Amino acid sequence: MNADRWLADTRISYDTVAVSYADHIREALAGEPYLRAALAVFADLVHSAGGGPVADVGCGPGHVTAHLHELGVDAFGIDLSSKMIDVARRDHPRLRFEVGSMTDLDLADASVVGLLAFWSLIHVPDEAVPTVFRHFRRVLRPGGPLLLGFHVGDESRLKTQGYGGHPMNVHVHRRRPDQVALWLRDAGFTVEAQMLLDLDESVPGAVLFARRPS
């Protein structure tokens, strides 16, 4: 898949649904005790690593960034969609948000103590994931934790309608945790823990904890 094409489709799609998506997702974490627990563990890992800036890559409207901030994490958000960033800045004016792409992460080497990508990898095609993970490793400090969340499965589907009934044109990729863990190891990460969610649902989720070795 042409990189410029899928990135443009993703950006345009989320620009289109930004306000509706933010309204839909704003209170979502309140009903997700296991995800809140995963974020709490991640926050503890950041504190244990000495604290410092943490990048929420693919932050959307900033609800996870804000939750981490409430846990005492110096989190900031990055998203491909400028409209999503506008909404994040509106809803969380005291936090830092910026436009950027995880395929070409504009952060200095070893500049963040932690990084998470919470269901933001789902639109990245398989061939681009290794590049994304190399960027994640590059910007993380040695010993820094990484948290990933994603849909579990073996297929991809084209999403043509999104939140609020607005048109979208993005592929949603479901992946097996073992494959994601393999990509992480190939990029130089140590994989530390895995959590599977909603096992009886049609589309389960997974959370992986990894670390850039010291």
N, C-alpha and C. Protein backbone atom coordinates (compact mmCIF):
# COMPACT_ATOMS: atom_id res chain seq x y z
N MET A 1 0.84 -1.19 0.00
CA MET A 1 0.00 0.00 0.00
C MET A 1 0.88 1.24 0.00
N ASN A 2 0.57 2.18 -0.88
CA ASN A 2 1.36 3.40 -0.97
C ASN A 2 1.28 4.20 0.33
N ALA A 3 2.46 4.54 0.89
CA ALA A 3 2.50 5.20 2.20
C ALA A 3 1.79 6.54 2.16
N ASP A 4 2.04 7.32 1.13
CA ASP A 4 1.40 8.63 1.05
C ASP A 4 -0.12 8.50 1.01
N ARG A 5 -0.61 7.46 0.34
CA ARG A 5 -2.05 7.29 0.18
C ARG A 5 -2.73 6.92 1.49
N TRP A 6 -2.20 5.89 2.20
CA TRP A 6 -2.89 5.49 3.43
C TRP A 6 -2.75 6.54 4.52
N LEU A 7 -1.62 7.24 4.55
CA LEU A 7 -1.49 8.32 5.53
C LEU A 7 -2.47 9.45 5.24
N ALA A 8 -2.61 9.81 3.96
CA ALA A 8 -3.55 10.87 3.59
C ALA A 8 -4.99 10.45 3.89
N ASP A 9 -5.32 9.20 3.58
CA ASP A 9 -6.68 8.71 3.86
C ASP A 9 -6.97 8.73 5.36
N THR A 10 -5.99 8.33 6.15
CA THR A 10 -6.18 8.32 7.61
C THR A 10 -6.35 9.74 8.14
N ARG A 11 -5.50 10.64 7.67
CA ARG A 11 -5.58 12.04 8.13
C ARG A 11 -6.93 12.66 7.77
N ILE A 12 -7.34 12.50 6.53
CA ILE A 12 -8.60 13.10 6.07
C ILE A 12 -9.78 12.49 6.82
N SER A 13 -9.76 11.18 7.00
CA SER A 13 -10.86 10.50 7.68
C SER A 13 -11.03 10.99 9.10
N TYR A 14 -9.93 11.12 9.82
CA TYR A 14 -10.04 11.55 11.22
C TYR A 14 -10.24 13.05 11.35
N ASP A 15 -9.80 13.82 10.38
CA ASP A 15 -10.20 15.22 10.35
C ASP A 15 -11.72 15.33 10.24
N THR A 16 -12.31 14.45 9.44
CA THR A 16 -13.76 14.49 9.19
C THR A 16 -14.57 14.11 10.42
N VAL A 17 -14.09 13.11 11.18
CA VAL A 17 -14.90 12.60 12.31
C VAL A 17 -14.43 13.13 13.67
N ALA A 18 -13.48 14.05 13.69
CA ALA A 18 -12.82 14.43 14.95
C ALA A 18 -13.79 14.81 16.05
N VAL A 19 -14.72 15.69 15.77
CA VAL A 19 -15.64 16.16 16.82
C VAL A 19 -16.55 15.03 17.27
N SER A 20 -17.11 14.28 16.33
CA SER A 20 -18.00 13.17 16.68
C SER A 20 -17.27 12.09 17.44
N TYR A 21 -16.03 11.79 17.03
CA TYR A 21 -15.24 10.79 17.71
C TYR A 21 -14.95 11.21 19.15
N ALA A 22 -14.60 12.45 19.34
CA ALA A 22 -14.32 12.95 20.68
C ALA A 22 -15.54 12.82 21.58
N ASP A 23 -16.71 13.14 21.06
CA ASP A 23 -17.95 13.00 21.83
C ASP A 23 -18.21 11.54 22.19
N HIS A 24 -17.89 10.64 21.26
CA HIS A 24 -18.13 9.21 21.46
C HIS A 24 -17.19 8.60 22.49
N ILE A 25 -15.95 9.05 22.51
CA ILE A 25 -14.90 8.38 23.28
C ILE A 25 -14.61 9.07 24.61
N ARG A 26 -15.20 10.22 24.85
CA ARG A 26 -14.79 11.08 25.97
C ARG A 26 -14.83 10.35 27.32
N GLU A 27 -15.87 9.57 27.57
CA GLU A 27 -16.01 8.87 28.85
C GLU A 27 -15.72 7.38 28.74
N ALA A 28 -15.09 6.97 27.66
CA ALA A 28 -14.93 5.54 27.40
C ALA A 28 -14.11 4.84 28.47
N LEU A 29 -13.06 5.46 28.97
CA LEU A 29 -12.21 4.80 29.95
C LEU A 29 -12.95 4.50 31.26
N ALA A 30 -14.00 5.26 31.54
CA ALA A 30 -14.75 5.04 32.78
C ALA A 30 -15.35 3.63 32.82
N GLY A 31 -15.67 3.08 31.67
CA GLY A 31 -16.26 1.75 31.60
C GLY A 31 -15.28 0.66 31.25
N GLU A 32 -13.97 0.95 31.33
CA GLU A 32 -12.93 -0.02 30.94
C GLU A 32 -11.94 -0.23 32.08
N PRO A 33 -12.32 -1.01 33.11
CA PRO A 33 -11.44 -1.15 34.27
C PRO A 33 -10.09 -1.80 33.94
N TYR A 34 -10.06 -2.71 32.98
CA TYR A 34 -8.81 -3.38 32.67
C TYR A 34 -7.86 -2.43 31.92
N LEU A 35 -8.41 -1.58 31.07
CA LEU A 35 -7.56 -0.59 30.39
C LEU A 35 -7.04 0.43 31.38
N ARG A 36 -7.88 0.84 32.32
CA ARG A 36 -7.40 1.78 33.35
C ARG A 36 -6.30 1.13 34.18
N ALA A 37 -6.45 -0.17 34.45
CA ALA A 37 -5.41 -0.88 35.20
C ALA A 37 -4.10 -0.92 34.41
N ALA A 38 -4.20 -1.18 33.10
CA ALA A 38 -3.00 -1.21 32.26
C ALA A 38 -2.33 0.15 32.25
N LEU A 39 -3.11 1.21 32.17
CA LEU A 39 -2.54 2.56 32.19
C LEU A 39 -1.91 2.88 33.54
N ALA A 40 -2.50 2.37 34.61
CA ALA A 40 -1.92 2.59 35.94
C ALA A 40 -0.58 1.88 36.07
N VAL A 41 -0.49 0.66 35.53
CA VAL A 41 0.79 -0.07 35.55
C VAL A 41 1.83 0.70 34.73
N PHE A 42 1.42 1.18 33.56
CA PHE A 42 2.33 1.95 32.72
C PHE A 42 2.82 3.19 33.45
N ALA A 43 1.91 3.89 34.14
CA ALA A 43 2.30 5.08 34.90
C ALA A 43 3.32 4.71 35.97
N ASP A 44 3.11 3.58 36.65
CA ASP A 44 4.08 3.14 37.67
C ASP A 44 5.44 2.85 37.05
N LEU A 45 5.44 2.25 35.86
CA LEU A 45 6.70 1.96 35.18
C LEU A 45 7.43 3.25 34.81
N VAL A 46 6.68 4.25 34.38
CA VAL A 46 7.28 5.55 34.05
C VAL A 46 7.90 6.17 35.30
N HIS A 47 7.17 6.14 36.40
CA HIS A 47 7.69 6.70 37.65
C HIS A 47 8.94 5.94 38.10
N SER A 48 8.91 4.61 37.95
CA SER A 48 10.06 3.79 38.36
C SER A 48 11.28 4.06 37.49
N ALA A 49 11.03 4.48 36.24
CA ALA A 49 12.13 4.80 35.33
C ALA A 49 12.69 6.20 35.57
N GLY A 50 12.16 6.90 36.56
CA GLY A 50 12.69 8.22 36.90
C GLY A 50 11.82 9.38 36.49
N GLY A 51 10.71 9.08 35.77
CA GLY A 51 9.81 10.15 35.35
C GLY A 51 10.39 10.95 34.19
N GLY A 52 9.55 11.80 33.63
CA GLY A 52 9.95 12.60 32.48
C GLY A 52 8.86 12.57 31.43
N PRO A 53 9.11 13.18 30.28
CA PRO A 53 8.07 13.27 29.25
C PRO A 53 7.69 11.91 28.68
N VAL A 54 6.40 11.76 28.41
CA VAL A 54 5.84 10.53 27.85
C VAL A 54 5.00 10.89 26.64
N ALA A 55 5.24 10.22 25.52
CA ALA A 55 4.52 10.51 24.28
C ALA A 55 3.35 9.55 24.10
N ASP A 56 2.16 10.12 23.93
CA ASP A 56 0.95 9.37 23.56
C ASP A 56 0.80 9.53 22.05
N VAL A 57 1.24 8.52 21.31
CA VAL A 57 1.34 8.62 19.85
C VAL A 57 0.05 8.10 19.22
N GLY A 58 -0.59 8.97 18.44
CA GLY A 58 -1.91 8.66 17.94
C GLY A 58 -2.94 8.96 19.02
N CYS A 59 -2.81 10.13 19.63
CA CYS A 59 -3.57 10.47 20.84
C CYS A 59 -5.02 10.79 20.59
N GLY A 60 -5.43 11.03 19.33
CA GLY A 60 -6.80 11.40 19.07
C GLY A 60 -7.19 12.65 19.83
N PRO A 61 -8.36 12.64 20.49
CA PRO A 61 -8.81 13.84 21.21
C PRO A 61 -8.19 14.01 22.58
N GLY A 62 -7.23 13.18 22.94
CA GLY A 62 -6.43 13.42 24.13
C GLY A 62 -6.97 12.86 25.43
N HIS A 63 -7.96 11.97 25.38
CA HIS A 63 -8.55 11.48 26.62
C HIS A 63 -7.57 10.58 27.39
N VAL A 64 -6.76 9.78 26.68
CA VAL A 64 -5.78 8.94 27.37
C VAL A 64 -4.63 9.80 27.88
N THR A 65 -4.20 10.77 27.10
CA THR A 65 -3.16 11.70 27.55
C THR A 65 -3.58 12.36 28.85
N ALA A 66 -4.82 12.81 28.90
CA ALA A 66 -5.32 13.48 30.11
C ALA A 66 -5.40 12.50 31.28
N HIS A 67 -5.80 11.26 31.02
CA HIS A 67 -5.87 10.26 32.09
C HIS A 67 -4.48 10.01 32.67
N LEU A 68 -3.49 9.89 31.82
CA LEU A 68 -2.13 9.70 32.31
C LEU A 68 -1.66 10.89 33.13
N HIS A 69 -2.03 12.09 32.68
CA HIS A 69 -1.68 13.29 33.44
C HIS A 69 -2.27 13.23 34.85
N GLU A 70 -3.50 12.72 34.97
CA GLU A 70 -4.13 12.57 36.27
C GLU A 70 -3.38 11.55 37.14
N LEU A 71 -2.66 10.63 36.51
CA LEU A 71 -1.86 9.64 37.23
C LEU A 71 -0.46 10.15 37.53
N GLY A 72 -0.23 11.43 37.28
CA GLY A 72 1.06 12.03 37.60
C GLY A 72 2.12 11.88 36.53
N VAL A 73 1.69 11.53 35.31
CA VAL A 73 2.63 11.35 34.20
C VAL A 73 2.69 12.63 33.38
N ASP A 74 3.89 13.03 33.00
CA ASP A 74 4.09 14.22 32.16
C ASP A 74 3.87 13.84 30.70
N ALA A 75 2.60 13.59 30.37
CA ALA A 75 2.25 13.07 29.04
C ALA A 75 1.91 14.20 28.08
N PHE A 76 2.29 14.00 26.83
CA PHE A 76 1.88 14.90 25.75
C PHE A 76 1.42 14.05 24.57
N GLY A 77 0.59 14.63 23.71
CA GLY A 77 -0.03 13.88 22.63
C GLY A 77 0.44 14.28 21.26
N ILE A 78 0.50 13.28 20.37
CA ILE A 78 0.85 13.48 18.97
C ILE A 78 -0.20 12.76 18.13
N ASP A 79 -0.71 13.42 17.11
CA ASP A 79 -1.67 12.77 16.23
C ASP A 79 -1.50 13.27 14.80
N LEU A 80 -1.82 12.38 13.86
CA LEU A 80 -1.72 12.71 12.44
C LEU A 80 -2.75 13.75 12.01
N SER A 81 -3.90 13.74 12.68
CA SER A 81 -5.02 14.61 12.30
C SER A 81 -4.95 15.96 13.00
N SER A 82 -4.85 17.02 12.24
CA SER A 82 -4.81 18.36 12.84
C SER A 82 -6.13 18.70 13.52
N LYS A 83 -7.24 18.18 13.01
CA LYS A 83 -8.54 18.45 13.63
C LYS A 83 -8.64 17.75 14.98
N MET A 84 -8.09 16.53 15.07
CA MET A 84 -8.05 15.84 16.36
C MET A 84 -7.22 16.64 17.37
N ILE A 85 -6.11 17.17 16.91
CA ILE A 85 -5.28 17.98 17.79
C ILE A 85 -6.01 19.25 18.22
N ASP A 86 -6.77 19.84 17.33
CA ASP A 86 -7.58 21.01 17.70
C ASP A 86 -8.56 20.65 18.82
N VAL A 87 -9.21 19.51 18.70
CA VAL A 87 -10.18 19.07 19.71
C VAL A 87 -9.46 18.78 21.03
N ALA A 88 -8.30 18.10 20.95
CA ALA A 88 -7.53 17.79 22.16
C ALA A 88 -7.12 19.07 22.88
N ARG A 89 -6.67 20.06 22.14
CA ARG A 89 -6.27 21.33 22.76
C ARG A 89 -7.47 22.05 23.35
N ARG A 90 -8.62 21.94 22.70
CA ARG A 90 -9.84 22.55 23.23
C ARG A 90 -10.27 21.91 24.55
N ASP A 91 -10.26 20.56 24.55
CA ASP A 91 -10.76 19.83 25.72
C ASP A 91 -9.75 19.77 26.87
N HIS A 92 -8.46 19.88 26.54
CA HIS A 92 -7.41 19.77 27.57
C HIS A 92 -6.39 20.89 27.36
N PRO A 93 -6.80 22.13 27.61
CA PRO A 93 -5.97 23.28 27.23
C PRO A 93 -4.65 23.39 27.98
N ARG A 94 -4.51 22.70 29.09
CA ARG A 94 -3.26 22.80 29.86
C ARG A 94 -2.22 21.77 29.43
N LEU A 95 -2.60 20.87 28.54
CA LEU A 95 -1.68 19.83 28.10
C LEU A 95 -1.12 20.15 26.72
N ARG A 96 -0.04 19.48 26.39
CA ARG A 96 0.68 19.72 25.13
C ARG A 96 0.23 18.70 24.08
N PHE A 97 -0.15 19.20 22.91
CA PHE A 97 -0.53 18.35 21.79
C PHE A 97 0.09 18.91 20.51
N GLU A 98 0.51 18.02 19.62
CA GLU A 98 1.11 18.46 18.37
C GLU A 98 0.79 17.48 17.25
N VAL A 99 0.80 18.00 16.04
CA VAL A 99 0.55 17.18 14.85
C VAL A 99 1.83 16.45 14.46
N GLY A 100 1.71 15.16 14.15
CA GLY A 100 2.87 14.39 13.74
C GLY A 100 2.47 13.00 13.32
N SER A 101 3.41 12.30 12.70
CA SER A 101 3.17 10.95 12.20
C SER A 101 4.10 9.97 12.88
N MET A 102 3.56 8.81 13.28
CA MET A 102 4.38 7.79 13.90
C MET A 102 5.33 7.13 12.91
N THR A 103 5.11 7.33 11.62
CA THR A 103 6.01 6.76 10.61
C THR A 103 7.26 7.61 10.42
N ASP A 104 7.23 8.83 10.94
CA ASP A 104 8.38 9.74 10.84
C ASP A 104 8.36 10.64 12.07
N LEU A 105 8.57 10.04 13.22
CA LEU A 105 8.33 10.68 14.50
C LEU A 105 9.34 11.81 14.72
N ASP A 106 8.81 13.02 14.84
CA ASP A 106 9.66 14.20 14.95
C ASP A 106 10.00 14.48 16.42
N LEU A 107 10.71 13.52 17.02
CA LEU A 107 11.20 13.66 18.39
C LEU A 107 12.67 13.30 18.40
N ALA A 108 13.42 13.94 19.27
CA ALA A 108 14.85 13.67 19.35
C ALA A 108 15.11 12.28 19.90
N ASP A 109 16.27 11.75 19.58
CA ASP A 109 16.67 10.44 20.09
C ASP A 109 16.67 10.45 21.62
N ALA A 110 16.13 9.36 22.21
CA ALA A 110 16.14 9.17 23.66
C ALA A 110 15.55 10.37 24.41
N SER A 111 14.49 10.97 23.86
CA SER A 111 13.94 12.19 24.44
C SER A 111 12.71 11.95 25.31
N VAL A 112 12.16 10.74 25.31
CA VAL A 112 10.99 10.45 26.15
C VAL A 112 11.29 9.26 27.04
N VAL A 113 10.72 9.29 28.23
CA VAL A 113 10.95 8.19 29.18
C VAL A 113 9.94 7.07 28.99
N GLY A 114 8.84 7.35 28.32
CA GLY A 114 7.82 6.34 28.04
C GLY A 114 7.05 6.71 26.79
N LEU A 115 6.42 5.71 26.18
CA LEU A 115 5.65 5.94 24.96
C LEU A 115 4.51 4.94 24.92
N LEU A 116 3.34 5.40 24.50
CA LEU A 116 2.24 4.47 24.28
C LEU A 116 1.55 4.77 22.96
N ALA A 117 1.02 3.71 22.37
CA ALA A 117 0.21 3.80 21.16
C ALA A 117 -1.03 2.95 21.42
N PHE A 118 -2.10 3.62 21.85
CA PHE A 118 -3.30 2.94 22.32
C PHE A 118 -4.32 2.89 21.19
N TRP A 119 -4.37 1.77 20.51
CA TRP A 119 -5.27 1.54 19.38
C TRP A 119 -5.05 2.56 18.27
N SER A 120 -3.83 3.04 18.15
CA SER A 120 -3.49 3.95 17.04
C SER A 120 -2.68 3.26 15.96
N LEU A 121 -2.23 2.03 16.22
CA LEU A 121 -1.52 1.26 15.19
C LEU A 121 -2.47 0.55 14.24
N ILE A 122 -3.76 0.59 14.52
CA ILE A 122 -4.69 -0.26 13.79
C ILE A 122 -4.85 0.14 12.32
N HIS A 123 -4.44 1.35 11.97
CA HIS A 123 -4.54 1.78 10.57
C HIS A 123 -3.20 1.70 9.83
N VAL A 124 -2.16 1.26 10.53
CA VAL A 124 -0.83 1.17 9.92
C VAL A 124 -0.68 -0.19 9.25
N PRO A 125 -0.40 -0.25 7.95
CA PRO A 125 -0.25 -1.55 7.27
C PRO A 125 0.97 -2.31 7.78
N ASP A 126 0.92 -3.63 7.62
CA ASP A 126 1.97 -4.49 8.15
C ASP A 126 3.37 -4.04 7.75
N GLU A 127 3.53 -3.65 6.50
CA GLU A 127 4.87 -3.33 6.00
C GLU A 127 5.45 -2.07 6.64
N ALA A 128 4.59 -1.24 7.24
CA ALA A 128 5.06 -0.01 7.87
C ALA A 128 5.30 -0.16 9.36
N VAL A 129 4.79 -1.23 9.97
CA VAL A 129 4.92 -1.39 11.42
C VAL A 129 6.38 -1.45 11.87
N PRO A 130 7.27 -2.22 11.21
CA PRO A 130 8.66 -2.23 11.66
C PRO A 130 9.31 -0.84 11.69
N THR A 131 9.00 -0.01 10.71
CA THR A 131 9.53 1.36 10.70
C THR A 131 9.01 2.15 11.90
N VAL A 132 7.73 2.00 12.19
CA VAL A 132 7.14 2.68 13.34
C VAL A 132 7.83 2.24 14.63
N PHE A 133 8.04 0.94 14.79
CA PHE A 133 8.67 0.44 16.02
C PHE A 133 10.12 0.89 16.14
N ARG A 134 10.81 1.02 15.03
CA ARG A 134 12.18 1.54 15.10
C ARG A 134 12.18 2.99 15.58
N HIS A 135 11.21 3.78 15.13
CA HIS A 135 11.09 5.15 15.63
C HIS A 135 10.77 5.16 17.12
N PHE A 136 9.88 4.27 17.55
CA PHE A 136 9.55 4.20 18.97
C PHE A 136 10.81 3.92 19.80
N ARG A 137 11.60 2.97 19.35
CA ARG A 137 12.81 2.62 20.10
C ARG A 137 13.80 3.78 20.09
N ARG A 138 13.92 4.45 18.96
CA ARG A 138 14.87 5.56 18.83
C ARG A 138 14.58 6.67 19.81
N VAL A 139 13.30 7.03 19.98
CA VAL A 139 12.96 8.20 20.80
C VAL A 139 12.87 7.85 22.28
N LEU A 140 12.75 6.56 22.62
CA LEU A 140 12.70 6.16 24.02
C LEU A 140 14.08 6.17 24.65
N ARG A 141 14.14 6.59 25.89
CA ARG A 141 15.38 6.48 26.64
C ARG A 141 15.65 5.01 26.96
N PRO A 142 16.89 4.61 27.08
CA PRO A 142 17.19 3.25 27.53
C PRO A 142 16.48 2.94 28.84
N GLY A 143 15.81 1.80 28.88
CA GLY A 143 15.04 1.42 30.06
C GLY A 143 13.62 1.91 30.05
N GLY A 144 13.24 2.70 29.04
CA GLY A 144 11.90 3.28 28.99
C GLY A 144 10.84 2.29 28.58
N PRO A 145 9.64 2.35 29.20
CA PRO A 145 8.56 1.43 28.87
C PRO A 145 7.75 1.86 27.65
N LEU A 146 7.20 0.87 26.97
CA LEU A 146 6.32 1.06 25.82
C LEU A 146 5.04 0.30 26.10
N LEU A 147 3.90 0.92 25.82
CA LEU A 147 2.60 0.28 25.97
C LEU A 147 1.85 0.36 24.65
N LEU A 148 1.39 -0.80 24.17
CA LEU A 148 0.63 -0.87 22.93
C LEU A 148 -0.74 -1.50 23.20
N GLY A 149 -1.77 -0.97 22.55
CA GLY A 149 -3.09 -1.59 22.57
C GLY A 149 -3.58 -1.73 21.13
N PHE A 150 -4.24 -2.86 20.83
CA PHE A 150 -4.66 -3.09 19.44
C PHE A 150 -5.76 -4.14 19.38
N HIS A 151 -6.43 -4.22 18.22
CA HIS A 151 -7.43 -5.24 17.97
C HIS A 151 -6.75 -6.57 17.65
N VAL A 152 -7.33 -7.67 18.13
CA VAL A 152 -6.78 -9.00 17.89
C VAL A 152 -7.54 -9.69 16.76
N GLY A 153 -6.79 -10.31 15.86
CA GLY A 153 -7.40 -11.05 14.76
C GLY A 153 -6.42 -11.29 13.65
N ASP A 154 -6.94 -11.75 12.52
CA ASP A 154 -6.10 -12.11 11.39
C ASP A 154 -6.49 -11.39 10.11
N GLU A 155 -7.34 -10.40 10.20
CA GLU A 155 -7.85 -9.81 8.97
C GLU A 155 -7.82 -8.30 9.03
N SER A 156 -8.01 -7.69 7.87
CA SER A 156 -8.14 -6.25 7.74
C SER A 156 -9.47 -5.95 7.04
N ARG A 157 -10.07 -4.85 7.40
CA ARG A 157 -11.31 -4.46 6.73
C ARG A 157 -11.26 -2.97 6.42
N LEU A 158 -11.99 -2.59 5.40
CA LEU A 158 -12.07 -1.19 5.02
C LEU A 158 -13.23 -0.54 5.74
N LYS A 159 -12.95 0.51 6.47
CA LYS A 159 -13.97 1.26 7.20
C LYS A 159 -14.36 2.47 6.36
N THR A 160 -15.61 2.53 5.96
CA THR A 160 -16.06 3.60 5.06
C THR A 160 -17.01 4.58 5.73
N GLN A 161 -17.45 4.25 6.94
CA GLN A 161 -18.33 5.17 7.68
C GLN A 161 -17.92 5.16 9.13
N GLY A 162 -17.85 6.36 9.70
CA GLY A 162 -17.36 6.45 11.07
C GLY A 162 -18.34 7.13 11.99
N TYR A 163 -17.82 7.66 13.05
CA TYR A 163 -18.58 8.24 14.14
C TYR A 163 -19.42 9.40 13.63
N GLY A 164 -20.70 9.40 14.03
CA GLY A 164 -21.62 10.43 13.56
C GLY A 164 -22.09 10.21 12.15
N GLY A 165 -21.79 9.04 11.57
CA GLY A 165 -22.20 8.73 10.20
C GLY A 165 -21.36 9.38 9.14
N HIS A 166 -20.23 9.96 9.51
CA HIS A 166 -19.38 10.65 8.55
C HIS A 166 -18.58 9.64 7.72
N PRO A 167 -18.25 9.99 6.49
CA PRO A 167 -17.48 9.07 5.64
C PRO A 167 -16.03 8.94 6.11
N MET A 168 -15.52 7.73 5.99
CA MET A 168 -14.12 7.45 6.27
C MET A 168 -13.59 6.55 5.17
N ASN A 169 -12.28 6.46 5.07
CA ASN A 169 -11.66 5.56 4.10
C ASN A 169 -10.34 5.06 4.69
N VAL A 170 -10.46 4.16 5.68
CA VAL A 170 -9.29 3.64 6.37
C VAL A 170 -9.41 2.13 6.51
N HIS A 171 -8.29 1.45 6.42
CA HIS A 171 -8.25 0.03 6.71
C HIS A 171 -7.99 -0.16 8.21
N VAL A 172 -8.72 -1.09 8.80
CA VAL A 172 -8.55 -1.44 10.21
C VAL A 172 -7.92 -2.82 10.27
N HIS A 173 -6.72 -2.88 10.82
CA HIS A 173 -5.93 -4.12 10.83
C HIS A 173 -6.02 -4.78 12.20
N ARG A 174 -6.39 -6.06 12.21
CA ARG A 174 -6.39 -6.86 13.42
C ARG A 174 -5.16 -7.76 13.40
N ARG A 175 -4.52 -7.91 14.55
CA ARG A 175 -3.25 -8.64 14.57
C ARG A 175 -3.16 -9.56 15.77
N ARG A 176 -2.36 -10.62 15.63
CA ARG A 176 -2.10 -11.54 16.72
C ARG A 176 -0.99 -10.98 17.61
N PRO A 177 -1.15 -11.09 18.92
CA PRO A 177 -0.12 -10.58 19.83
C PRO A 177 1.26 -11.16 19.55
N ASP A 178 1.34 -12.43 19.16
CA ASP A 178 2.65 -13.03 18.88
C ASP A 178 3.35 -12.32 17.72
N GLN A 179 2.59 -11.90 16.71
CA GLN A 179 3.19 -11.19 15.58
C GLN A 179 3.68 -9.82 16.00
N VAL A 180 2.87 -9.12 16.80
CA VAL A 180 3.28 -7.79 17.26
C VAL A 180 4.52 -7.91 18.15
N ALA A 181 4.55 -8.94 19.00
CA ALA A 181 5.72 -9.15 19.86
C ALA A 181 6.97 -9.45 19.03
N LEU A 182 6.82 -10.20 17.95
CA LEU A 182 7.95 -10.49 17.08
C LEU A 182 8.49 -9.22 16.44
N TRP A 183 7.60 -8.36 15.95
CA TRP A 183 8.04 -7.08 15.39
C TRP A 183 8.77 -6.24 16.44
N LEU A 184 8.27 -6.25 17.67
CA LEU A 184 8.91 -5.50 18.73
C LEU A 184 10.32 -6.01 19.00
N ARG A 185 10.47 -7.32 19.09
CA ARG A 185 11.80 -7.90 19.35
C ARG A 185 12.75 -7.58 18.20
N ASP A 186 12.24 -7.66 16.97
CA ASP A 186 13.09 -7.35 15.81
C ASP A 186 13.55 -5.89 15.85
N ALA A 187 12.74 -5.02 16.45
CA ALA A 187 13.09 -3.59 16.54
C ALA A 187 13.99 -3.30 17.74
N GLY A 188 14.29 -4.33 18.55
CA GLY A 188 15.20 -4.14 19.67
C GLY A 188 14.54 -3.98 21.02
N PHE A 189 13.26 -4.30 21.14
CA PHE A 189 12.56 -4.21 22.41
C PHE A 189 12.59 -5.54 23.15
N THR A 190 12.46 -5.45 24.44
CA THR A 190 12.19 -6.61 25.28
C THR A 190 10.69 -6.60 25.62
N VAL A 191 10.00 -7.69 25.31
CA VAL A 191 8.57 -7.79 25.59
C VAL A 191 8.39 -8.36 26.99
N GLU A 192 7.63 -7.65 27.83
CA GLU A 192 7.55 -8.00 29.25
C GLU A 192 6.22 -8.61 29.68
N ALA A 193 5.11 -8.18 29.10
CA ALA A 193 3.81 -8.66 29.57
C ALA A 193 2.77 -8.48 28.48
N GLN A 194 1.70 -9.27 28.62
CA GLN A 194 0.60 -9.25 27.65
C GLN A 194 -0.72 -9.43 28.38
N MET A 195 -1.72 -8.67 27.97
CA MET A 195 -3.07 -8.80 28.52
C MET A 195 -4.06 -8.92 27.36
N LEU A 196 -4.93 -9.93 27.41
CA LEU A 196 -5.99 -10.10 26.42
C LEU A 196 -7.30 -9.64 27.02
N LEU A 197 -8.11 -8.96 26.22
CA LEU A 197 -9.34 -8.33 26.69
C LEU A 197 -10.53 -8.78 25.86
N ASP A 198 -11.70 -8.82 26.50
CA ASP A 198 -12.96 -9.09 25.80
C ASP A 198 -12.87 -10.36 24.95
N LEU A 199 -12.44 -11.45 25.57
CA LEU A 199 -12.18 -12.68 24.84
C LEU A 199 -13.44 -13.28 24.22
N ASP A 200 -14.60 -13.00 24.77
CA ASP A 200 -15.84 -13.54 24.22
C ASP A 200 -16.52 -12.59 23.24
N GLU A 201 -15.88 -11.47 22.95
CA GLU A 201 -16.42 -10.53 21.97
C GLU A 201 -15.94 -10.90 20.57
N SER A 202 -16.59 -10.33 19.56
CA SER A 202 -16.23 -10.65 18.17
C SER A 202 -14.84 -10.12 17.81
N VAL A 203 -14.44 -9.02 18.43
CA VAL A 203 -13.11 -8.46 18.18
C VAL A 203 -12.43 -8.23 19.54
N PRO A 204 -11.65 -9.20 20.02
CA PRO A 204 -10.93 -9.00 21.28
C PRO A 204 -9.87 -7.93 21.15
N GLY A 205 -9.34 -7.53 22.28
CA GLY A 205 -8.25 -6.57 22.30
C GLY A 205 -7.04 -7.16 22.98
N ALA A 206 -5.91 -6.52 22.80
CA ALA A 206 -4.68 -6.94 23.47
C ALA A 206 -3.90 -5.71 23.89
N VAL A 207 -3.20 -5.86 25.01
CA VAL A 207 -2.28 -4.85 25.50
C VAL A 207 -0.93 -5.51 25.70
N LEU A 208 0.12 -4.90 25.15
CA LEU A 208 1.47 -5.41 25.31
C LEU A 208 2.33 -4.37 26.01
N PHE A 209 3.12 -4.84 26.98
CA PHE A 209 4.12 -4.01 27.64
C PHE A 209 5.49 -4.44 27.14
N ALA A 210 6.28 -3.47 26.71
CA ALA A 210 7.64 -3.76 26.26
C ALA A 210 8.57 -2.68 26.83
N ARG A 211 9.85 -2.83 26.59
CA ARG A 211 10.82 -1.88 27.13
C ARG A 211 12.03 -1.80 26.21
N ARG A 212 12.55 -0.60 26.04
CA ARG A 212 13.86 -0.48 25.40
C ARG A 212 14.91 -0.89 26.42
N PRO A 213 15.75 -1.87 26.10
CA PRO A 213 16.72 -2.34 27.09
C PRO A 213 17.65 -1.21 27.55
N SER A 214 18.08 -1.30 28.80
CA SER A 214 19.00 -0.30 29.34
C SER A 214 20.36 -0.43 28.67
